[in-house]
Amino acid sequence: MVKYIDQIKHSDYIHKNKGNIGVIFRDEGFYERFTVEEYMRYYTEIIDSKSNYREIMLKFSLLEIADK
């Protein structure tokens, strides 16, 4: 979905700057409900990382606790 600000399409501006946009969820238990794998996938998607989060988990021996 593309949002318009003052009737001007800002999708390019938003795409270039989305790494600087922050979100804080009001639900206190939001992050605590994530598994290790969900947490890693969530943050690699937020920062639009080209890294494979599963490879990072393997490197830091997190695969065996991925579902916790």
Protein backbone atom coordinates (compact mmCIF):
# COMPACT_ATOMS: atom_id res chain seq x y z
CA MET A 1 0.00 0.00 0.00
CA VAL A 2 1.34 3.42 -0.93
CA LYS A 3 0.50 6.31 1.40
CA TYR A 4 0.08 9.83 0.14
CA ILE A 5 1.22 12.87 2.10
CA ASP A 6 -0.19 16.19 0.89
CA GLN A 7 -1.39 14.39 -2.26
CA ILE A 8 2.20 13.51 -3.24
CA LYS A 9 3.33 9.93 -3.69
CA HIS A 10 6.24 9.34 -1.31
CA SER A 11 6.89 5.63 -1.86
CA ASP A 12 10.48 6.20 -3.05
CA TYR A 13 11.25 8.42 -0.06
CA ILE A 14 9.69 5.93 2.34
CA HIS A 15 11.50 2.96 0.74
CA LYS A 16 14.88 4.72 0.99
CA ASN A 17 14.30 5.72 4.61
CA LYS A 18 12.40 2.78 6.06
CA GLY A 19 15.46 1.73 8.04
CA ASN A 20 15.09 4.94 10.04
CA ILE A 21 11.42 4.39 10.88
CA GLY A 22 10.80 2.84 14.27
CA VAL A 23 7.82 1.03 15.70
CA ILE A 24 7.16 0.26 19.33
CA PHE A 25 4.26 -2.02 20.08
CA ARG A 26 2.08 -1.20 23.07
CA ASP A 27 1.48 -4.84 23.90
CA GLU A 28 4.03 -5.59 26.62
CA GLY A 29 4.16 -9.29 25.79
CA PHE A 30 4.69 -8.86 22.05
CA TYR A 31 8.41 -9.67 21.91
CA GLU A 32 8.29 -12.21 24.71
CA ARG A 33 5.95 -14.39 22.64
CA PHE A 34 8.49 -14.69 19.80
CA THR A 35 10.59 -17.79 19.42
CA VAL A 36 14.28 -17.25 18.72
CA GLU A 37 13.71 -17.94 15.03
CA GLU A 38 10.72 -15.57 14.81
CA TYR A 39 12.76 -12.84 16.52
CA MET A 40 15.67 -13.26 14.10
CA ARG A 41 13.38 -13.33 11.06
CA TYR A 42 11.43 -10.29 12.32
CA TYR A 43 14.51 -8.10 12.72
CA THR A 44 16.19 -9.15 9.48
CA GLU A 45 12.96 -8.20 7.66
CA ILE A 46 12.66 -4.87 9.49
CA ILE A 47 16.15 -3.77 8.50
CA ASP A 48 15.73 -5.31 5.03
CA SER A 49 18.86 -7.36 5.60
CA LYS A 50 20.23 -9.46 2.78
CA SER A 51 21.72 -11.81 5.38
CA ASN A 52 20.19 -15.22 5.86
CA TYR A 53 18.98 -15.30 9.46
CA ARG A 54 19.25 -19.11 9.52
CA GLU A 55 22.97 -18.89 8.68
CA ILE A 56 23.43 -16.38 11.50
CA MET A 57 21.58 -18.70 13.87
CA LEU A 58 23.85 -21.57 12.82
CA LYS A 59 26.98 -19.46 13.34
CA PHE A 60 25.94 -18.58 16.89
CA SER A 61 24.63 -22.07 17.75
CA LEU A 62 21.02 -20.89 17.98
CA LEU A 63 19.41 -23.51 15.74
CA GLU A 64 18.95 -25.99 18.57
CA ILE A 65 16.87 -23.43 20.49
CA ALA A 66 15.13 -21.88 17.44
CA ASP A 67 11.66 -22.87 18.61
CA LYS A 68 12.04 -21.63 22.20
